[in-house]
Structure formats: C-alpha cells, structure tokens
Amino acid sequence: MESAVLILLQKLPFKRNRSQPRSSSYSGEYGGGGGKRFSHSGNQLDGPITAIRIRTNRWYIVGLQVRYGKEWSNYVGGSSGDLEEIFLHPGESIIQVSGKYKSYVRKLVFVTDKGRYFPFGKDTGTSFNAAPLFPNTVLRYFSGSSGSVIDAIGFHWDYYPSDCPSCGK
C-alpha cells in the first residue's frame, strides 16, 4: 500500500516551489479605533501619488486628500484647521512616513526618494516609523479611519506603477 501511494504521488503534476519575488507590504494601523473606515486601494489605479493635502489644527491631523496620477481621492476627515498642500516632482515617490498618535493621528512626516521631507502636525504622542518591507517599493496608497479628525492611518507599499507613461519615471 505504501509503495502504491508513493507511485501515485510521483505521477501527480507538482509545481516546483519557486519563490516569487514579493513587493507589496503594509504598515499600520497607527491611531485609535474610532471613525469611519476609508481606503484608497482603487485610487492607486489612477497612477502614483503625485500630491497630498493635509488639514491640521493645533492638536491633530484633521483631514487628508491624495492625488493619484492626475485624479484627487475623496477628502476624508474634518473641516477645522489649516489646509496645506505638497506636490511631488515627476517620478518622485514617498519612501517613508513617520509620525505620532494617541487616540488620533497627531503628526505625519513624509520622506521622498529625492531626499525631501514634509512634516505636518504636533510633535506629541507615541512615535511610529513606516517604511516598505521590500526594496525598490514606494507608498502606493493610504487607508485608515476618520471622523472629525484622522482617527487612524495605514500605509500600503508596492512598486512604482510601470504602466504610467506620463508619470515621469
């Protein structure tokens, strides 16, 4: 019986275990448990991140809107505070995000592959540092939860999109 099972197993078409290169990873979620869930997973199909709008008040990151390619995502968060906007250079990508949080997101600092960094918010709370797990990958989209502020945030990393001829990379 044992030899019959062995012969049968030898005849089955097994695929060799070839390790596929991995590229996608996730960092987060940083913040509290409140708010309504959001995800920009579909927005990444419009292209790479090319600009970010951040609304802050004295204590928190209040809101977020991201431009993917040439299309802006829906705005998430509240309406108080000041709105700031950053634009990435053609082909520039975010390769690290650090910040601070308590029950809400309090600070975000974006670092690009061109050596630029963009800080937003207040420097209090628990620190975090988010970066991709795999080489040559960049921030592709955001997810998290929001209400009157950004309650929590997560970062999704993958390769820079290869099918974006107008993206400059």
N, C-alpha and C. Protein backbone atom coordinates (compact mmCIF):
# COMPACT_ATOMS: atom_id res chain seq x y z
N MET A 1 0.83 -1.20 0.00
CA MET A 1 0.00 0.00 0.00
C MET A 1 0.87 1.25 0.00
N GLU A 2 1.90 1.24 0.83
CA GLU A 2 2.76 2.40 0.92
C GLU A 2 3.44 2.69 -0.42
N SER A 3 3.87 1.66 -1.15
CA SER A 3 4.53 1.88 -2.44
C SER A 3 3.53 2.36 -3.48
N ALA A 4 2.27 1.94 -3.39
CA ALA A 4 1.24 2.41 -4.33
C ALA A 4 0.99 3.90 -4.15
N VAL A 5 0.96 4.36 -2.90
CA VAL A 5 0.77 5.78 -2.62
C VAL A 5 1.97 6.57 -3.14
N LEU A 6 3.17 6.05 -2.93
CA LEU A 6 4.38 6.71 -3.40
C LEU A 6 4.38 6.82 -4.92
N ILE A 7 4.00 5.75 -5.63
CA ILE A 7 3.94 5.78 -7.09
C ILE A 7 2.91 6.80 -7.54
N LEU A 8 1.75 6.83 -6.88
CA LEU A 8 0.69 7.78 -7.23
C LEU A 8 1.19 9.21 -7.03
N LEU A 9 1.86 9.46 -5.91
CA LEU A 9 2.37 10.80 -5.65
C LEU A 9 3.42 11.21 -6.68
N GLN A 10 4.23 10.26 -7.14
CA GLN A 10 5.25 10.59 -8.12
C GLN A 10 4.63 10.97 -9.46
N LYS A 11 3.43 10.48 -9.75
CA LYS A 11 2.78 10.76 -11.03
C LYS A 11 1.97 12.06 -11.01
N LEU A 12 1.70 12.60 -9.81
CA LEU A 12 0.93 13.84 -9.74
C LEU A 12 1.77 15.01 -10.24
N PRO A 13 1.16 15.94 -10.98
CA PRO A 13 1.92 17.07 -11.52
C PRO A 13 2.15 18.16 -10.47
N PHE A 14 3.23 18.05 -9.72
CA PHE A 14 3.56 19.06 -8.71
C PHE A 14 4.34 20.19 -9.36
N LYS A 15 4.03 21.39 -8.95
CA LYS A 15 4.83 22.53 -9.39
C LYS A 15 5.97 22.68 -8.41
N ARG A 16 7.11 23.03 -8.93
CA ARG A 16 8.25 23.27 -8.04
C ARG A 16 7.98 24.53 -7.22
N ASN A 17 8.50 24.55 -6.04
CA ASN A 17 8.31 25.70 -5.15
C ASN A 17 9.30 26.80 -5.52
N ARG A 18 8.94 27.57 -6.53
CA ARG A 18 9.77 28.70 -6.93
C ARG A 18 9.28 29.92 -6.18
N SER A 19 10.17 30.54 -5.47
CA SER A 19 9.73 31.68 -4.68
C SER A 19 9.53 32.88 -5.60
N GLN A 20 8.36 33.43 -5.52
CA GLN A 20 8.02 34.62 -6.30
C GLN A 20 8.57 35.83 -5.57
N PRO A 21 9.15 36.78 -6.30
CA PRO A 21 9.60 37.99 -5.61
C PRO A 21 8.39 38.74 -5.05
N ARG A 22 8.50 39.16 -3.82
CA ARG A 22 7.41 39.89 -3.18
C ARG A 22 7.65 41.37 -3.32
N SER A 23 6.55 42.12 -3.31
CA SER A 23 6.72 43.56 -3.44
C SER A 23 5.78 44.34 -2.53
N SER A 24 4.58 43.84 -2.28
CA SER A 24 3.63 44.64 -1.51
C SER A 24 3.78 44.38 -0.01
N SER A 25 3.60 45.45 0.77
CA SER A 25 3.63 45.34 2.22
C SER A 25 2.73 46.43 2.80
N TYR A 26 2.48 46.32 4.10
CA TYR A 26 1.56 47.22 4.79
C TYR A 26 2.18 47.65 6.10
N SER A 27 2.04 48.92 6.44
CA SER A 27 2.49 49.45 7.72
C SER A 27 1.31 50.10 8.42
N GLY A 28 1.04 49.72 9.63
CA GLY A 28 -0.04 50.34 10.37
C GLY A 28 -0.82 49.27 11.11
N GLU A 29 -1.87 49.63 11.63
CA GLU A 29 -2.55 50.91 11.57
C GLU A 29 -2.19 51.71 12.80
N TYR A 30 -1.94 52.99 12.63
CA TYR A 30 -1.50 53.86 13.71
C TYR A 30 -2.63 54.81 14.08
N GLY A 31 -2.99 54.83 15.38
CA GLY A 31 -4.05 55.70 15.86
C GLY A 31 -5.03 54.94 16.72
N GLY A 32 -6.23 55.49 16.83
CA GLY A 32 -7.27 54.90 17.67
C GLY A 32 -8.27 54.09 16.88
N GLY A 33 -9.33 53.67 17.56
CA GLY A 33 -10.30 52.78 16.95
C GLY A 33 -11.56 53.44 16.44
N GLY A 34 -11.68 54.77 16.53
CA GLY A 34 -12.91 55.43 16.12
C GLY A 34 -12.94 55.76 14.64
N GLY A 35 -14.02 56.43 14.24
CA GLY A 35 -14.14 56.92 12.87
C GLY A 35 -14.70 55.90 11.90
N LYS A 36 -14.90 56.37 10.68
CA LYS A 36 -15.42 55.56 9.58
C LYS A 36 -14.24 55.11 8.71
N ARG A 37 -14.25 53.84 8.32
CA ARG A 37 -13.16 53.27 7.53
C ARG A 37 -13.04 53.94 6.16
N PHE A 38 -11.79 54.10 5.68
CA PHE A 38 -11.56 54.53 4.31
C PHE A 38 -10.38 53.77 3.74
N SER A 39 -10.35 53.64 2.42
CA SER A 39 -9.23 53.01 1.73
C SER A 39 -9.12 53.62 0.34
N HIS A 40 -7.91 53.91 -0.07
CA HIS A 40 -7.66 54.43 -1.40
C HIS A 40 -7.15 53.33 -2.34
N SER A 41 -7.45 52.08 -2.04
CA SER A 41 -6.90 50.98 -2.84
C SER A 41 -7.26 51.11 -4.32
N GLY A 42 -8.47 51.54 -4.61
CA GLY A 42 -8.87 51.73 -6.01
C GLY A 42 -8.22 52.94 -6.65
N ASN A 43 -7.90 53.95 -5.86
CA ASN A 43 -7.30 55.17 -6.39
C ASN A 43 -5.91 54.93 -6.98
N GLN A 44 -5.19 53.96 -6.45
CA GLN A 44 -3.84 53.72 -6.95
C GLN A 44 -3.83 53.34 -8.43
N LEU A 45 -4.98 52.91 -8.95
CA LEU A 45 -5.07 52.57 -10.37
C LEU A 45 -4.98 53.81 -11.25
N ASP A 46 -5.20 55.00 -10.66
CA ASP A 46 -5.09 56.25 -11.41
C ASP A 46 -3.63 56.69 -11.58
N GLY A 47 -2.71 56.03 -10.89
CA GLY A 47 -1.30 56.37 -11.01
C GLY A 47 -0.65 56.50 -9.65
N PRO A 48 0.61 56.92 -9.65
CA PRO A 48 1.33 57.07 -8.39
C PRO A 48 0.84 58.30 -7.62
N ILE A 49 1.22 58.38 -6.36
CA ILE A 49 0.90 59.56 -5.56
C ILE A 49 1.70 60.73 -6.11
N THR A 50 0.99 61.82 -6.45
CA THR A 50 1.65 63.00 -7.03
C THR A 50 1.48 64.24 -6.18
N ALA A 51 0.53 64.23 -5.24
CA ALA A 51 0.31 65.38 -4.35
C ALA A 51 -0.50 64.93 -3.15
N ILE A 52 -0.37 65.68 -2.05
CA ILE A 52 -1.11 65.37 -0.82
C ILE A 52 -1.60 66.67 -0.22
N ARG A 53 -2.86 66.66 0.22
CA ARG A 53 -3.43 67.76 1.01
C ARG A 53 -3.64 67.25 2.43
N ILE A 54 -3.12 68.01 3.39
CA ILE A 54 -3.25 67.66 4.81
C ILE A 54 -3.88 68.84 5.52
N ARG A 55 -4.92 68.58 6.30
CA ARG A 55 -5.53 69.62 7.13
C ARG A 55 -5.14 69.34 8.57
N THR A 56 -4.61 70.35 9.26
CA THR A 56 -4.20 70.20 10.66
C THR A 56 -4.82 71.30 11.52
N ASN A 57 -5.01 70.98 12.80
CA ASN A 57 -5.34 72.01 13.78
C ASN A 57 -4.23 72.00 14.84
N ARG A 58 -4.45 72.62 15.96
CA ARG A 58 -3.39 72.70 16.98
C ARG A 58 -3.00 71.35 17.56
N TRP A 59 -3.88 70.36 17.47
CA TRP A 59 -3.64 69.09 18.15
C TRP A 59 -3.55 67.88 17.23
N TYR A 60 -4.21 67.89 16.08
CA TYR A 60 -4.39 66.66 15.30
C TYR A 60 -4.19 66.88 13.80
N ILE A 61 -4.01 65.75 13.11
CA ILE A 61 -4.17 65.71 11.67
C ILE A 61 -5.69 65.59 11.46
N VAL A 62 -6.27 66.59 10.88
CA VAL A 62 -7.74 66.66 10.77
C VAL A 62 -8.25 65.97 9.51
N GLY A 63 -7.56 66.16 8.38
CA GLY A 63 -8.06 65.60 7.13
C GLY A 63 -6.97 65.28 6.15
N LEU A 64 -7.35 64.52 5.12
CA LEU A 64 -6.39 64.02 4.14
C LEU A 64 -7.07 63.88 2.78
N GLN A 65 -6.36 64.30 1.75
CA GLN A 65 -6.77 64.06 0.37
C GLN A 65 -5.49 63.83 -0.43
N VAL A 66 -5.52 62.86 -1.33
CA VAL A 66 -4.32 62.46 -2.06
C VAL A 66 -4.62 62.46 -3.55
N ARG A 67 -3.65 62.99 -4.32
CA ARG A 67 -3.78 62.93 -5.78
C ARG A 67 -2.98 61.75 -6.29
N TYR A 68 -3.67 60.86 -7.01
CA TYR A 68 -3.08 59.69 -7.63
C TYR A 68 -3.05 59.95 -9.13
N GLY A 69 -1.85 60.06 -9.70
CA GLY A 69 -1.75 60.47 -11.09
C GLY A 69 -2.26 61.90 -11.20
N LYS A 70 -3.36 62.08 -11.91
CA LYS A 70 -3.96 63.41 -12.05
C LYS A 70 -5.32 63.52 -11.36
N GLU A 71 -5.72 62.49 -10.63
CA GLU A 71 -7.04 62.44 -10.00
C GLU A 71 -6.93 62.52 -8.48
N TRP A 72 -7.73 63.41 -7.88
CA TRP A 72 -7.76 63.52 -6.42
C TRP A 72 -8.70 62.48 -5.83
N SER A 73 -8.31 61.90 -4.71
CA SER A 73 -9.17 60.98 -3.95
C SER A 73 -10.28 61.80 -3.28
N ASN A 74 -11.24 61.10 -2.71
CA ASN A 74 -12.21 61.77 -1.85
C ASN A 74 -11.48 62.31 -0.63
N TYR A 75 -11.94 63.45 -0.13
CA TYR A 75 -11.39 64.01 1.11
C TYR A 75 -11.93 63.20 2.28
N VAL A 76 -11.07 62.87 3.24
CA VAL A 76 -11.50 62.20 4.46
C VAL A 76 -11.10 63.05 5.65
N GLY A 77 -11.96 63.09 6.68
CA GLY A 77 -11.66 63.85 7.88
C GLY A 77 -12.59 65.02 8.07
N GLY A 78 -12.17 65.93 8.96
CA GLY A 78 -12.99 67.06 9.35
C GLY A 78 -12.62 68.33 8.60
N SER A 79 -13.26 69.43 9.01
CA SER A 79 -13.11 70.69 8.28
C SER A 79 -12.41 71.78 9.07
N SER A 80 -12.04 71.54 10.33
CA SER A 80 -11.36 72.59 11.11
C SER A 80 -9.88 72.65 10.75
N GLY A 81 -9.25 73.75 11.10
CA GLY A 81 -7.80 73.85 10.92
C GLY A 81 -7.38 74.39 9.57
N ASP A 82 -6.08 74.27 9.30
CA ASP A 82 -5.47 74.83 8.10
C ASP A 82 -5.14 73.72 7.11
N LEU A 83 -5.39 74.02 5.83
CA LEU A 83 -5.11 73.06 4.76
C LEU A 83 -3.77 73.39 4.12
N GLU A 84 -2.89 72.39 4.03
CA GLU A 84 -1.61 72.54 3.35
C GLU A 84 -1.55 71.53 2.22
N GLU A 85 -0.75 71.84 1.22
CA GLU A 85 -0.68 71.00 0.03
C GLU A 85 0.77 70.85 -0.39
N ILE A 86 1.17 69.62 -0.71
CA ILE A 86 2.51 69.37 -1.23
C ILE A 86 2.38 68.69 -2.59
N PHE A 87 3.30 68.99 -3.47
CA PHE A 87 3.35 68.35 -4.78
C PHE A 87 4.69 67.65 -4.92
N LEU A 88 4.65 66.41 -5.38
CA LEU A 88 5.87 65.67 -5.64
C LEU A 88 6.38 66.01 -7.04
N HIS A 89 7.69 65.96 -7.21
CA HIS A 89 8.27 66.17 -8.53
C HIS A 89 7.94 64.97 -9.41
N PRO A 90 7.96 65.12 -10.74
CA PRO A 90 7.71 63.95 -11.61
C PRO A 90 8.67 62.82 -11.27
N GLY A 91 8.12 61.62 -11.07
CA GLY A 91 8.93 60.45 -10.73
C GLY A 91 9.33 60.34 -9.28
N GLU A 92 9.02 61.34 -8.46
CA GLU A 92 9.37 61.31 -7.03
C GLU A 92 8.34 60.48 -6.27
N SER A 93 8.79 59.73 -5.29
CA SER A 93 7.91 58.87 -4.51
C SER A 93 8.18 59.00 -3.03
N ILE A 94 7.17 58.68 -2.23
CA ILE A 94 7.31 58.64 -0.78
C ILE A 94 7.85 57.27 -0.40
N ILE A 95 8.94 57.27 0.37
CA ILE A 95 9.59 56.00 0.75
C ILE A 95 9.56 55.75 2.25
N GLN A 96 9.04 56.71 3.02
CA GLN A 96 8.96 56.55 4.48
C GLN A 96 7.94 57.54 5.01
N VAL A 97 7.20 57.11 6.03
CA VAL A 97 6.28 58.00 6.74
C VAL A 97 6.48 57.75 8.23
N SER A 98 6.77 58.80 8.97
CA SER A 98 6.84 58.68 10.41
C SER A 98 5.80 59.60 11.00
N GLY A 99 5.59 59.50 12.29
CA GLY A 99 4.60 60.36 12.90
C GLY A 99 4.38 60.02 14.36
N LYS A 100 3.28 60.60 14.88
CA LYS A 100 2.89 60.37 16.28
C LYS A 100 1.38 60.25 16.35
N TYR A 101 0.93 59.50 17.35
CA TYR A 101 -0.51 59.30 17.54
C TYR A 101 -0.81 59.05 19.01
N LYS A 102 -2.04 59.28 19.38
CA LYS A 102 -2.63 58.80 20.64
C LYS A 102 -3.94 58.16 20.23
N SER A 103 -5.07 58.75 20.59
CA SER A 103 -6.36 58.24 20.11
C SER A 103 -6.60 58.64 18.66
N TYR A 104 -5.86 59.66 18.21
CA TYR A 104 -5.96 60.18 16.85
C TYR A 104 -4.55 60.38 16.30
N VAL A 105 -4.46 60.57 14.99
CA VAL A 105 -3.15 60.86 14.39
C VAL A 105 -2.80 62.31 14.69
N ARG A 106 -1.61 62.53 15.23
CA ARG A 106 -1.19 63.88 15.64
C ARG A 106 -0.13 64.46 14.73
N LYS A 107 0.72 63.63 14.13
CA LYS A 107 1.80 64.14 13.30
C LYS A 107 2.10 63.15 12.19
N LEU A 108 2.41 63.68 10.98
CA LEU A 108 2.87 62.87 9.86
C LEU A 108 4.07 63.57 9.23
N VAL A 109 5.09 62.79 8.92
CA VAL A 109 6.27 63.31 8.21
C VAL A 109 6.51 62.39 7.02
N PHE A 110 6.42 62.95 5.83
CA PHE A 110 6.63 62.20 4.59
C PHE A 110 8.07 62.43 4.11
N VAL A 111 8.75 61.34 3.75
CA VAL A 111 10.12 61.41 3.23
C VAL A 111 10.10 60.83 1.82
N THR A 112 10.75 61.53 0.87
CA THR A 112 10.74 61.07 -0.52
C THR A 112 12.09 60.49 -0.92
N ASP A 113 12.09 59.82 -2.05
CA ASP A 113 13.32 59.25 -2.59
C ASP A 113 14.24 60.31 -3.18
N LYS A 114 13.82 61.57 -3.19
CA LYS A 114 14.66 62.68 -3.63
C LYS A 114 15.24 63.44 -2.44
N GLY A 115 15.07 62.88 -1.22
CA GLY A 115 15.64 63.48 -0.03
C GLY A 115 14.83 64.62 0.57
N ARG A 116 13.61 64.82 0.10
CA ARG A 116 12.76 65.87 0.67
C ARG A 116 11.91 65.27 1.78
N TYR A 117 11.56 66.11 2.78
CA TYR A 117 10.65 65.66 3.82
C TYR A 117 9.64 66.76 4.11
N PHE A 118 8.43 66.33 4.47
CA PHE A 118 7.31 67.23 4.68
C PHE A 118 6.64 66.90 6.01
N PRO A 119 6.86 67.73 7.05
CA PRO A 119 6.24 67.47 8.36
C PRO A 119 4.91 68.21 8.50
N PHE A 120 3.94 67.54 9.14
CA PHE A 120 2.63 68.12 9.43
C PHE A 120 2.22 67.71 10.83
N GLY A 121 1.63 68.64 11.60
CA GLY A 121 1.03 68.30 12.87
C GLY A 121 1.89 68.58 14.08
N LYS A 122 1.43 68.03 15.21
CA LYS A 122 2.00 68.31 16.54
C LYS A 122 2.89 67.16 16.98
N ASP A 123 4.01 67.50 17.61
CA ASP A 123 5.03 66.53 17.99
C ASP A 123 4.78 65.95 19.38
N THR A 124 3.60 65.35 19.59
CA THR A 124 3.32 64.68 20.87
C THR A 124 2.63 63.35 20.59
N GLY A 125 2.84 62.40 21.49
CA GLY A 125 2.19 61.11 21.36
C GLY A 125 3.20 60.00 21.16
N THR A 126 2.69 58.83 20.79
CA THR A 126 3.50 57.65 20.54
C THR A 126 4.06 57.71 19.13
N SER A 127 5.36 57.51 19.00
CA SER A 127 6.02 57.59 17.69
C SER A 127 5.82 56.32 16.88
N PHE A 128 5.80 56.48 15.57
CA PHE A 128 5.84 55.34 14.66
C PHE A 128 6.73 55.70 13.47
N ASN A 129 7.24 54.68 12.82
CA ASN A 129 8.02 54.86 11.61
C ASN A 129 7.59 53.78 10.63
N ALA A 130 7.04 54.18 9.49
CA ALA A 130 6.53 53.23 8.50
C ALA A 130 7.41 53.29 7.25
N ALA A 131 7.82 52.12 6.79
CA ALA A 131 8.63 52.01 5.58
C ALA A 131 8.30 50.67 4.92
N PRO A 132 8.53 50.55 3.63
CA PRO A 132 8.22 49.28 2.95
C PRO A 132 9.15 48.16 3.40
N LEU A 133 8.65 46.93 3.30
CA LEU A 133 9.45 45.76 3.67
C LEU A 133 10.40 45.33 2.55
N PHE A 134 10.07 45.67 1.31
CA PHE A 134 10.81 45.16 0.17
C PHE A 134 11.53 46.29 -0.57
N PRO A 135 12.71 46.01 -1.12
CA PRO A 135 13.50 47.04 -1.79
C PRO A 135 12.78 47.59 -3.03
N ASN A 136 13.08 48.83 -3.35
CA ASN A 136 12.57 49.49 -4.55
C ASN A 136 11.06 49.60 -4.58
N THR A 137 10.42 49.62 -3.39
CA THR A 137 8.98 49.83 -3.35
C THR A 137 8.70 51.17 -2.66
N VAL A 138 7.52 51.72 -2.96
CA VAL A 138 7.17 53.07 -2.54
C VAL A 138 5.74 53.09 -2.00
N LEU A 139 5.34 54.20 -1.39
CA LEU A 139 3.97 54.35 -0.91
C LEU A 139 3.03 54.41 -2.10
N ARG A 140 2.07 53.48 -2.14
CA ARG A 140 1.11 53.44 -3.24
C ARG A 140 -0.26 53.97 -2.86
N TYR A 141 -0.70 53.73 -1.58
CA TYR A 141 -1.98 54.29 -1.16
C TYR A 141 -2.13 54.24 0.34
N PHE A 142 -3.15 54.98 0.83
CA PHE A 142 -3.46 55.12 2.25
C PHE A 142 -4.75 54.37 2.57
N SER A 143 -4.88 53.98 3.83
CA SER A 143 -6.16 53.51 4.37
C SER A 143 -6.21 53.95 5.83
N GLY A 144 -7.37 53.76 6.46
CA GLY A 144 -7.49 54.14 7.86
C GLY A 144 -8.92 54.39 8.24
N SER A 145 -9.12 55.30 9.20
CA SER A 145 -10.46 55.69 9.63
C SER A 145 -10.45 57.17 10.00
N SER A 146 -11.59 57.80 9.79
CA SER A 146 -11.70 59.23 10.06
C SER A 146 -13.11 59.59 10.47
N GLY A 147 -13.20 60.70 11.20
CA GLY A 147 -14.46 61.33 11.56
C GLY A 147 -14.22 62.82 11.45
N SER A 148 -14.21 63.50 12.58
CA SER A 148 -13.88 64.93 12.57
C SER A 148 -12.37 65.16 12.51
N VAL A 149 -11.59 64.08 12.66
CA VAL A 149 -10.13 64.09 12.50
C VAL A 149 -9.74 62.75 11.88
N ILE A 150 -8.45 62.57 11.59
CA ILE A 150 -7.96 61.26 11.14
C ILE A 150 -7.74 60.42 12.41
N ASP A 151 -8.60 59.44 12.59
CA ASP A 151 -8.53 58.58 13.78
C ASP A 151 -7.35 57.61 13.70
N ALA A 152 -7.13 57.04 12.53
CA ALA A 152 -6.06 56.06 12.35
C ALA A 152 -5.65 56.05 10.89
N ILE A 153 -4.40 55.63 10.64
CA ILE A 153 -3.89 55.63 9.27
C ILE A 153 -2.96 54.44 9.05
N GLY A 154 -3.00 53.91 7.83
CA GLY A 154 -2.12 52.83 7.42
C GLY A 154 -1.54 53.13 6.05
N PHE A 155 -0.42 52.50 5.73
CA PHE A 155 0.32 52.80 4.52
C PHE A 155 0.58 51.51 3.75
N HIS A 156 0.29 51.54 2.46
CA HIS A 156 0.42 50.38 1.58
C HIS A 156 1.53 50.65 0.58
N TRP A 157 2.47 49.71 0.50
CA TRP A 157 3.70 49.88 -0.29
C TRP A 157 3.74 48.86 -1.42
N ASP A 158 4.28 49.28 -2.56
CA ASP A 158 4.48 48.37 -3.69
C ASP A 158 5.38 49.07 -4.70
N TYR A 159 5.64 48.39 -5.82
CA TYR A 159 6.46 49.00 -6.86
C TYR A 159 5.79 50.24 -7.43
N TYR A 160 6.61 51.17 -7.90
CA TYR A 160 6.11 52.33 -8.66
C TYR A 160 5.41 51.77 -9.89
N PRO A 161 4.22 52.29 -10.26
CA PRO A 161 3.48 51.67 -11.37
C PRO A 161 4.26 51.77 -12.68
N SER A 162 4.39 50.64 -13.36
CA SER A 162 5.14 50.61 -14.62
C SER A 162 4.29 51.03 -15.80
N ASP A 163 2.98 51.03 -15.63
CA ASP A 163 2.07 51.35 -16.74
C ASP A 163 1.56 52.79 -16.65
N CYS A 164 2.44 53.70 -16.31
CA CYS A 164 2.07 55.10 -16.18
C CYS A 164 3.04 55.95 -16.99
N PRO A 165 2.83 56.04 -18.33
CA PRO A 165 3.80 56.73 -19.17
C PRO A 165 3.96 58.22 -18.87
N SER A 166 2.93 58.85 -18.33
CA SER A 166 3.02 60.30 -18.06
C SER A 166 3.54 60.60 -16.66
N CYS A 167 3.99 59.57 -15.93
CA CYS A 167 4.39 59.75 -14.55
C CYS A 167 5.84 60.18 -14.38
N GLY A 168 6.64 60.11 -15.42
CA GLY A 168 7.98 60.66 -15.36
C GLY A 168 9.04 59.74 -14.77
N LYS A 169 8.76 58.46 -14.65
CA LYS A 169 9.80 57.55 -14.12
C LYS A 169 10.01 56.40 -15.07
